[in-house]
């Protein structure tokens, strides 16, 4: 499975990512091993969506980072 996930950082900003191993990726975020979130710890998992296909997961992640995707995220996912 592939996961698109949304984290809330300690500065109340959101981070959207995609991974094949959600548990390990969250550990890496909270250990400060992910550049973008390393100075925004702790992070909290707000939502995630599972996909069978890697390509569809990456498409959804890209959408969530677009203007209309951010609006969708704010209205429906957080």
C-alpha atoms as a PDB file:
ATOM      1  CA  UNK A   1       0.000   0.000   0.000  1.00  0.00           C
ATOM      2  CA  UNK A   2       0.996   3.608  -0.586  1.00  0.00           C
ATOM      3  CA  UNK A   3      -0.053   6.388   1.747  1.00  0.00           C
ATOM      4  CA  UNK A   4      -0.577  10.102   1.258  1.00  0.00           C
ATOM      5  CA  UNK A   5      -0.435  11.712   4.671  1.00  0.00           C
ATOM      6  CA  UNK A   6      -0.970  15.120   6.227  1.00  0.00           C
ATOM      7  CA  UNK A   7       0.970  16.261   9.274  1.00  0.00           C
ATOM      8  CA  UNK A   8       0.365  19.291  11.477  1.00  0.00           C
ATOM      9  CA  UNK A   9       3.660  20.821  12.545  1.00  0.00           C
ATOM     10  CA  UNK A  10       4.219  22.640  15.840  1.00  0.00           C
ATOM     11  CA  UNK A  11       3.870  25.990  14.021  1.00  0.00           C
ATOM     12  CA  UNK A  12       0.336  24.954  12.877  1.00  0.00           C
ATOM     13  CA  UNK A  13       1.407  24.580   9.240  1.00  0.00           C
ATOM     14  CA  UNK A  14       0.715  21.399   7.313  1.00  0.00           C
ATOM     15  CA  UNK A  15       3.048  19.008   5.555  1.00  0.00           C
ATOM     16  CA  UNK A  16       1.793  16.578   2.897  1.00  0.00           C
ATOM     17  CA  UNK A  17       3.842  13.562   1.899  1.00  0.00           C
ATOM     18  CA  UNK A  18       3.681  10.141   0.308  1.00  0.00           C
ATOM     19  CA  UNK A  19       5.259   6.874   1.460  1.00  0.00           C
ATOM     20  CA  UNK A  20       5.077   3.118   1.198  1.00  0.00           C
ATOM     21  CA  UNK A  21       5.668   2.688   4.954  1.00  0.00           C
ATOM     22  CA  UNK A  22       3.655   5.176   6.986  1.00  0.00           C
ATOM     23  CA  UNK A  23       4.811   4.061  10.426  1.00  0.00           C
ATOM     24  CA  UNK A  24       8.507   4.318   9.555  1.00  0.00           C
ATOM     25  CA  UNK A  25       8.033   7.650   7.803  1.00  0.00           C
ATOM     26  CA  UNK A  26       6.307   9.145  10.866  1.00  0.00           C
ATOM     27  CA  UNK A  27       9.184   7.938  13.043  1.00  0.00           C
ATOM     28  CA  UNK A  28      11.661   9.643  10.697  1.00  0.00           C
ATOM     29  CA  UNK A  29       9.686  12.896  10.880  1.00  0.00           C
ATOM     30  CA  UNK A  30       9.586  12.835  14.680  1.00  0.00           C
ATOM     31  CA  UNK A  31      13.301  12.019  14.945  1.00  0.00           C
ATOM     32  CA  UNK A  32      14.096  15.127  12.902  1.00  0.00           C
ATOM     33  CA  UNK A  33      15.386  13.151   9.909  1.00  0.00           C
ATOM     34  CA  UNK A  34      13.136  14.883   7.362  1.00  0.00           C
ATOM     35  CA  UNK A  35      14.548  18.250   6.342  1.00  0.00           C
ATOM     36  CA  UNK A  36      11.290  20.211   6.009  1.00  0.00           C
ATOM     37  CA  UNK A  37       9.858  19.174   9.389  1.00  0.00           C
ATOM     38  CA  UNK A  38      13.085  18.871  11.397  1.00  0.00           C
ATOM     39  CA  UNK A  39      12.734  22.362  12.906  1.00  0.00           C
ATOM     40  CA  UNK A  40       8.945  22.072  13.349  1.00  0.00           C
ATOM     41  CA  UNK A  41       8.735  19.192  15.836  1.00  0.00           C
ATOM     42  CA  UNK A  42       6.736  17.557  17.139  1.00  0.00           C
ATOM     43  CA  UNK A  43       4.476  16.701  14.216  1.00  0.00           C
ATOM     44  CA  UNK A  44       1.025  15.165  14.491  1.00  0.00           C
ATOM     45  CA  UNK A  45      -0.618  12.879  11.931  1.00  0.00           C
ATOM     46  CA  UNK A  46      -3.881  14.548  10.934  1.00  0.00           C
ATOM     47  CA  UNK A  47      -5.069  12.304   8.106  1.00  0.00           C
ATOM     48  CA  UNK A  48      -3.923   9.732   5.604  1.00  0.00           C
ATOM     49  CA  UNK A  49      -5.336   8.020   2.511  1.00  0.00           C
ATOM     50  CA  UNK A  50      -4.216   4.567   1.353  1.00  0.00           C
ATOM     51  CA  UNK A  51      -3.741   3.619  -2.304  1.00  0.00           C
ATOM     52  CA  UNK A  52      -2.938   0.303  -3.938  1.00  0.00           C
ATOM     53  CA  UNK A  53      -1.071   1.984  -6.779  1.00  0.00           C
ATOM     54  CA  UNK A  54       2.026   4.113  -6.235  1.00  0.00           C
ATOM     55  CA  UNK A  55       1.269   6.305  -9.255  1.00  0.00           C
ATOM     56  CA  UNK A  56      -2.204   7.232  -7.957  1.00  0.00           C
ATOM     57  CA  UNK A  57      -0.793   8.060  -4.531  1.00  0.00           C
ATOM     58  CA  UNK A  58       1.796  10.410  -6.016  1.00  0.00           C
ATOM     59  CA  UNK A  59      -0.879  12.021  -8.209  1.00  0.00           C
ATOM     60  CA  UNK A  60      -3.053  12.678  -5.142  1.00  0.00           C
ATOM     61  CA  UNK A  61      -0.094  14.086  -3.199  1.00  0.00           C
ATOM     62  CA  UNK A  62       0.659  16.445  -6.078  1.00  0.00           C
ATOM     63  CA  UNK A  63      -2.995  17.528  -6.183  1.00  0.00           C
ATOM     64  CA  UNK A  64      -3.062  18.220  -2.426  1.00  0.00           C
ATOM     65  CA  UNK A  65      -0.079  20.542  -2.875  1.00  0.00           C
ATOM     66  CA  UNK A  66      -1.885  22.589  -5.573  1.00  0.00           C
ATOM     67  CA  UNK A  67      -4.099  25.588  -4.870  1.00  0.00           C
ATOM     68  CA  UNK A  68      -7.381  23.711  -5.280  1.00  0.00           C
ATOM     69  CA  UNK A  69      -5.908  20.718  -3.423  1.00  0.00           C
ATOM     70  CA  UNK A  70      -5.025  22.892  -0.435  1.00  0.00           C
ATOM     71  CA  UNK A  71      -8.608  24.213  -0.396  1.00  0.00           C
ATOM     72  CA  UNK A  72      -9.904  20.618  -0.558  1.00  0.00           C
ATOM     73  CA  UNK A  73      -7.556  19.587   2.249  1.00  0.00           C
ATOM     74  CA  UNK A  74      -8.657  22.451   4.454  1.00  0.00           C
ATOM     75  CA  UNK A  75     -12.367  21.834   3.861  1.00  0.00           C
ATOM     76  CA  UNK A  76     -12.510  18.032   3.815  1.00  0.00           C
ATOM     77  CA  UNK A  77      -9.413  16.415   5.333  1.00  0.00           C
ATOM     78  CA  UNK A  78      -8.385  18.441   8.371  1.00  0.00           C
END
